[in-house]
């Protein structure tokens, strides 16, 4: 019965993320990436509640759904890096249940790493002339993910202070 409850909760987290990240107003960058209205919070919240494995699985599922809803794909490796791997990394928050803000930082940093590698490898051609693809990818991906980090950290802090991470466990 517990597995069914976790599966149902994960499905709701993925659905909420789709709504917040893909269907609510957001700021989009030209080669992908966006700042959403707390789009990462449902997946991070789920990982903090249910652990790294369940959180990683839910994040990877969201990545596949996001890709199916109009992902930008130039190569199969890039698709894996930018979708299931990047969003699956949000499950790393589950390693830090007792320290949710650390979990938010680690989760979004994991996502950053996947997008950063993809950016250097596949999107370095968009770097301004004379700029290293490494610097370009760090600035490009770090720029929008820092905003996502701040928004997610504030909301997870509020949820944690109100003891909502443990509700209905």
C-alpha atoms as a PDB file:
ATOM      1  CA  UNK A   1       0.000   0.000   0.000  1.00  0.00           C
ATOM      2  CA  UNK A   2       2.879   2.387   0.791  1.00  0.00           C
ATOM      3  CA  UNK A   3       4.321   1.952  -2.739  1.00  0.00           C
ATOM      4  CA  UNK A   4       0.993   2.943  -4.270  1.00  0.00           C
ATOM      5  CA  UNK A   5       0.895   6.037  -2.072  1.00  0.00           C
ATOM      6  CA  UNK A   6       4.432   7.028  -3.121  1.00  0.00           C
ATOM      7  CA  UNK A   7       3.648   6.401  -6.791  1.00  0.00           C
ATOM      8  CA  UNK A   8       0.492   8.509  -6.575  1.00  0.00           C
ATOM      9  CA  UNK A   9       2.340  11.305  -4.781  1.00  0.00           C
ATOM     10  CA  UNK A  10       5.122  11.201  -7.392  1.00  0.00           C
ATOM     11  CA  UNK A  11       2.571  11.407 -10.180  1.00  0.00           C
ATOM     12  CA  UNK A  12       1.031  14.477  -8.576  1.00  0.00           C
ATOM     13  CA  UNK A  13       4.494  16.067  -8.175  1.00  0.00           C
ATOM     14  CA  UNK A  14       5.223  15.485 -11.874  1.00  0.00           C
ATOM     15  CA  UNK A  15       1.807  16.868 -12.872  1.00  0.00           C
ATOM     16  CA  UNK A  16       2.245  19.971 -10.696  1.00  0.00           C
ATOM     17  CA  UNK A  17       5.689  20.541 -12.178  1.00  0.00           C
ATOM     18  CA  UNK A  18       4.272  20.281 -15.703  1.00  0.00           C
ATOM     19  CA  UNK A  19       1.638  22.874 -14.832  1.00  0.00           C
ATOM     20  CA  UNK A  20       4.050  25.257 -13.082  1.00  0.00           C
ATOM     21  CA  UNK A  21       6.948  24.904 -15.537  1.00  0.00           C
ATOM     22  CA  UNK A  22       5.230  24.368 -18.857  1.00  0.00           C
ATOM     23  CA  UNK A  23       1.803  25.987 -18.706  1.00  0.00           C
ATOM     24  CA  UNK A  24       2.184  28.980 -16.378  1.00  0.00           C
ATOM     25  CA  UNK A  25       3.804  32.230 -17.523  1.00  0.00           C
ATOM     26  CA  UNK A  26       7.578  32.032 -17.530  1.00  0.00           C
ATOM     27  CA  UNK A  27      10.649  33.747 -18.888  1.00  0.00           C
ATOM     28  CA  UNK A  28      12.247  31.637 -21.646  1.00  0.00           C
ATOM     29  CA  UNK A  29      15.770  31.868 -22.989  1.00  0.00           C
ATOM     30  CA  UNK A  30      16.532  31.502 -26.711  1.00  0.00           C
ATOM     31  CA  UNK A  31      18.393  28.156 -26.624  1.00  0.00           C
ATOM     32  CA  UNK A  32      16.250  26.609 -23.912  1.00  0.00           C
ATOM     33  CA  UNK A  33      15.974  27.064 -20.185  1.00  0.00           C
ATOM     34  CA  UNK A  34      13.417  29.153 -18.384  1.00  0.00           C
ATOM     35  CA  UNK A  35      12.557  30.787 -15.108  1.00  0.00           C
ATOM     36  CA  UNK A  36       9.202  29.538 -13.896  1.00  0.00           C
ATOM     37  CA  UNK A  37       6.868  30.228 -11.033  1.00  0.00           C
ATOM     38  CA  UNK A  38       8.299  27.722  -8.530  1.00  0.00           C
ATOM     39  CA  UNK A  39       8.431  25.004 -11.175  1.00  0.00           C
ATOM     40  CA  UNK A  40      11.009  22.861  -9.377  1.00  0.00           C
ATOM     41  CA  UNK A  41       9.342  22.934  -5.970  1.00  0.00           C
ATOM     42  CA  UNK A  42       6.982  19.946  -6.397  1.00  0.00           C
ATOM     43  CA  UNK A  43       9.819  17.621  -7.466  1.00  0.00           C
ATOM     44  CA  UNK A  44      12.210  18.866  -4.777  1.00  0.00           C
ATOM     45  CA  UNK A  45       9.459  18.644  -2.152  1.00  0.00           C
ATOM     46  CA  UNK A  46       8.687  15.076  -3.257  1.00  0.00           C
ATOM     47  CA  UNK A  47      12.380  14.099  -3.082  1.00  0.00           C
ATOM     48  CA  UNK A  48      12.711  15.582   0.405  1.00  0.00           C
ATOM     49  CA  UNK A  49       9.643  13.613   1.532  1.00  0.00           C
ATOM     50  CA  UNK A  50      10.274  10.289  -0.211  1.00  0.00           C
ATOM     51  CA  UNK A  51      14.015  10.055  -0.691  1.00  0.00           C
ATOM     52  CA  UNK A  52      16.591  10.159  -3.417  1.00  0.00           C
ATOM     53  CA  UNK A  53      15.398   7.136  -5.408  1.00  0.00           C
ATOM     54  CA  UNK A  54      11.749   8.168  -5.654  1.00  0.00           C
ATOM     55  CA  UNK A  55      12.750  11.789  -6.262  1.00  0.00           C
ATOM     56  CA  UNK A  56      15.192  10.874  -9.016  1.00  0.00           C
ATOM     57  CA  UNK A  57      12.637   8.637 -10.711  1.00  0.00           C
ATOM     58  CA  UNK A  58       9.954  11.336 -10.591  1.00  0.00           C
ATOM     59  CA  UNK A  59      12.408  13.946 -11.891  1.00  0.00           C
ATOM     60  CA  UNK A  60      13.459  11.707 -14.786  1.00  0.00           C
ATOM     61  CA  UNK A  61       9.798  11.072 -15.649  1.00  0.00           C
ATOM     62  CA  UNK A  62       9.170  14.819 -15.649  1.00  0.00           C
ATOM     63  CA  UNK A  63      12.209  15.274 -17.913  1.00  0.00           C
ATOM     64  CA  UNK A  64      10.743  12.817 -20.415  1.00  0.00           C
ATOM     65  CA  UNK A  65       7.329  14.504 -20.251  1.00  0.00           C
ATOM     66  CA  UNK A  66       8.955  17.921 -20.714  1.00  0.00           C
ATOM     67  CA  UNK A  67      10.883  16.610 -23.713  1.00  0.00           C
ATOM     68  CA  UNK A  68       7.686  15.166 -25.208  1.00  0.00           C
ATOM     69  CA  UNK A  69       5.894  18.498 -24.723  1.00  0.00           C
ATOM     70  CA  UNK A  70       8.325  20.276 -26.994  1.00  0.00           C
ATOM     71  CA  UNK A  71      11.895  19.714 -25.973  1.00  0.00           C
ATOM     72  CA  UNK A  72      14.757  21.107 -28.023  1.00  0.00           C
ATOM     73  CA  UNK A  73      16.839  18.156 -29.189  1.00  0.00           C
ATOM     74  CA  UNK A  74      19.966  18.262 -31.338  1.00  0.00           C
ATOM     75  CA  UNK A  75      21.507  14.910 -30.365  1.00  0.00           C
ATOM     76  CA  UNK A  76      20.460  11.835 -28.338  1.00  0.00           C
ATOM     77  CA  UNK A  77      23.175  12.465 -25.727  1.00  0.00           C
ATOM     78  CA  UNK A  78      22.067  16.094 -25.390  1.00  0.00           C
ATOM     79  CA  UNK A  79      18.462  14.923 -24.980  1.00  0.00           C
ATOM     80  CA  UNK A  80      19.460  12.623 -22.113  1.00  0.00           C
ATOM     81  CA  UNK A  81      21.587  15.315 -20.441  1.00  0.00           C
ATOM     82  CA  UNK A  82      19.025  18.111 -20.729  1.00  0.00           C
ATOM     83  CA  UNK A  83      15.890  16.177 -19.861  1.00  0.00           C
ATOM     84  CA  UNK A  84      15.833  12.963 -17.780  1.00  0.00           C
ATOM     85  CA  UNK A  85      19.322  13.415 -16.303  1.00  0.00           C
ATOM     86  CA  UNK A  86      18.998  17.129 -15.483  1.00  0.00           C
ATOM     87  CA  UNK A  87      15.566  16.820 -13.909  1.00  0.00           C
ATOM     88  CA  UNK A  88      16.386  13.467 -12.325  1.00  0.00           C
ATOM     89  CA  UNK A  89      19.186  15.287 -10.494  1.00  0.00           C
ATOM     90  CA  UNK A  90      16.504  17.147  -8.541  1.00  0.00           C
ATOM     91  CA  UNK A  91      16.035  13.878  -6.661  1.00  0.00           C
ATOM     92  CA  UNK A  92      19.392  14.519  -4.971  1.00  0.00           C
ATOM     93  CA  UNK A  93      17.455  16.717  -2.558  1.00  0.00           C
ATOM     94  CA  UNK A  94      16.288  13.462  -0.984  1.00  0.00           C
ATOM     95  CA  UNK A  95      19.771  12.965   0.481  1.00  0.00           C
ATOM     96  CA  UNK A  96      19.259  16.017   2.699  1.00  0.00           C
ATOM     97  CA  UNK A  97      15.888  15.498   4.351  1.00  0.00           C
ATOM     98  CA  UNK A  98      17.114  16.984   7.637  1.00  0.00           C
ATOM     99  CA  UNK A  99      18.594  19.987   5.828  1.00  0.00           C
ATOM    100  CA  UNK A 100      16.057  20.921   3.136  1.00  0.00           C
ATOM    101  CA  UNK A 101      17.801  24.098   2.003  1.00  0.00           C
ATOM    102  CA  UNK A 102      21.004  22.144   1.402  1.00  0.00           C
ATOM    103  CA  UNK A 103      18.863  19.692  -0.554  1.00  0.00           C
ATOM    104  CA  UNK A 104      17.530  22.499  -2.747  1.00  0.00           C
ATOM    105  CA  UNK A 105      21.067  23.738  -3.448  1.00  0.00           C
ATOM    106  CA  UNK A 106      22.432  20.272  -4.245  1.00  0.00           C
ATOM    107  CA  UNK A 107      19.422  19.387  -6.410  1.00  0.00           C
ATOM    108  CA  UNK A 108      19.572  22.520  -8.529  1.00  0.00           C
ATOM    109  CA  UNK A 109      23.367  22.305  -8.732  1.00  0.00           C
ATOM    110  CA  UNK A 110      22.970  18.756 -10.066  1.00  0.00           C
ATOM    111  CA  UNK A 111      20.564  20.053 -12.674  1.00  0.00           C
ATOM    112  CA  UNK A 112      23.015  22.851 -13.496  1.00  0.00           C
ATOM    113  CA  UNK A 113      25.831  20.347 -14.085  1.00  0.00           C
ATOM    114  CA  UNK A 114      23.792  18.367 -16.617  1.00  0.00           C
ATOM    115  CA  UNK A 115      22.756  21.524 -18.503  1.00  0.00           C
ATOM    116  CA  UNK A 116      26.309  22.928 -18.239  1.00  0.00           C
ATOM    117  CA  UNK A 117      27.876  19.841 -19.827  1.00  0.00           C
ATOM    118  CA  UNK A 118      25.243  19.853 -22.553  1.00  0.00           C
ATOM    119  CA  UNK A 119      25.818  23.567 -23.114  1.00  0.00           C
ATOM    120  CA  UNK A 120      29.564  23.193 -23.517  1.00  0.00           C
ATOM    121  CA  UNK A 121      29.293  20.121 -25.703  1.00  0.00           C
ATOM    122  CA  UNK A 122      26.323  20.944 -27.927  1.00  0.00           C
ATOM    123  CA  UNK A 123      25.615  24.677 -27.670  1.00  0.00           C
ATOM    124  CA  UNK A 124      29.105  26.186 -27.453  1.00  0.00           C
ATOM    125  CA  UNK A 125      28.646  27.493 -31.004  1.00  0.00           C
ATOM    126  CA  UNK A 126      26.283  30.153 -29.613  1.00  0.00           C
ATOM    127  CA  UNK A 127      29.018  31.653 -27.460  1.00  0.00           C
ATOM    128  CA  UNK A 128      29.939  35.190 -28.529  1.00  0.00           C
ATOM    129  CA  UNK A 129      33.108  35.373 -30.588  1.00  0.00           C
ATOM    130  CA  UNK A 130      36.147  35.124 -28.350  1.00  0.00           C
ATOM    131  CA  UNK A 131      34.201  33.693 -25.372  1.00  0.00           C
ATOM    132  CA  UNK A 132      34.952  30.202 -24.167  1.00  0.00           C
ATOM    133  CA  UNK A 133      32.028  27.761 -24.487  1.00  0.00           C
ATOM    134  CA  UNK A 134      32.694  26.814 -20.847  1.00  0.00           C
ATOM    135  CA  UNK A 135      32.196  30.398 -19.654  1.00  0.00           C
ATOM    136  CA  UNK A 136      29.216  30.860 -21.954  1.00  0.00           C
ATOM    137  CA  UNK A 137      27.491  27.700 -20.702  1.00  0.00           C
ATOM    138  CA  UNK A 138      28.176  28.596 -17.061  1.00  0.00           C
ATOM    139  CA  UNK A 139      26.720  32.089 -17.482  1.00  0.00           C
ATOM    140  CA  UNK A 140      23.793  30.980 -19.642  1.00  0.00           C
ATOM    141  CA  UNK A 141      22.684  28.061 -17.469  1.00  0.00           C
ATOM    142  CA  UNK A 142      23.715  29.585 -14.166  1.00  0.00           C
ATOM    143  CA  UNK A 143      21.780  32.756 -14.882  1.00  0.00           C
ATOM    144  CA  UNK A 144      18.332  31.223 -14.959  1.00  0.00           C
ATOM    145  CA  UNK A 145      19.058  28.437 -12.464  1.00  0.00           C
ATOM    146  CA  UNK A 146      20.198  30.897  -9.767  1.00  0.00           C
ATOM    147  CA  UNK A 147      16.753  32.504  -9.972  1.00  0.00           C
ATOM    148  CA  UNK A 148      15.096  29.055  -9.806  1.00  0.00           C
ATOM    149  CA  UNK A 149      17.306  28.262  -6.797  1.00  0.00           C
ATOM    150  CA  UNK A 150      16.275  31.397  -4.917  1.00  0.00           C
ATOM    151  CA  UNK A 151      12.561  30.915  -5.594  1.00  0.00           C
ATOM    152  CA  UNK A 152      12.700  27.199  -4.722  1.00  0.00           C
ATOM    153  CA  UNK A 153      14.725  27.787  -1.547  1.00  0.00           C
ATOM    154  CA  UNK A 154      12.292  30.417  -0.264  1.00  0.00           C
ATOM    155  CA  UNK A 155       9.255  28.200  -0.853  1.00  0.00           C
ATOM    156  CA  UNK A 156      10.885  25.050   0.578  1.00  0.00           C
ATOM    157  CA  UNK A 157      11.953  27.125   3.625  1.00  0.00           C
ATOM    158  CA  UNK A 158       8.333  28.184   4.168  1.00  0.00           C
ATOM    159  CA  UNK A 159       7.051  24.610   3.726  1.00  0.00           C
ATOM    160  CA  UNK A 160       9.676  23.305   6.140  1.00  0.00           C
ATOM    161  CA  UNK A 161       8.946  25.974   8.776  1.00  0.00           C
ATOM    162  CA  UNK A 162       5.261  25.094   8.639  1.00  0.00           C
ATOM    163  CA  UNK A 163       6.121  21.384   9.014  1.00  0.00           C
ATOM    164  CA  UNK A 164       4.464  20.573   5.682  1.00  0.00           C
ATOM    165  CA  UNK A 165       7.247  18.288   4.476  1.00  0.00           C
ATOM    166  CA  UNK A 166       5.950  15.591   6.819  1.00  0.00           C
ATOM    167  CA  UNK A 167       2.232  16.070   6.248  1.00  0.00           C
ATOM    168  CA  UNK A 168       0.333  12.822   5.529  1.00  0.00           C
ATOM    169  CA  UNK A 169       3.409  10.577   5.687  1.00  0.00           C
END
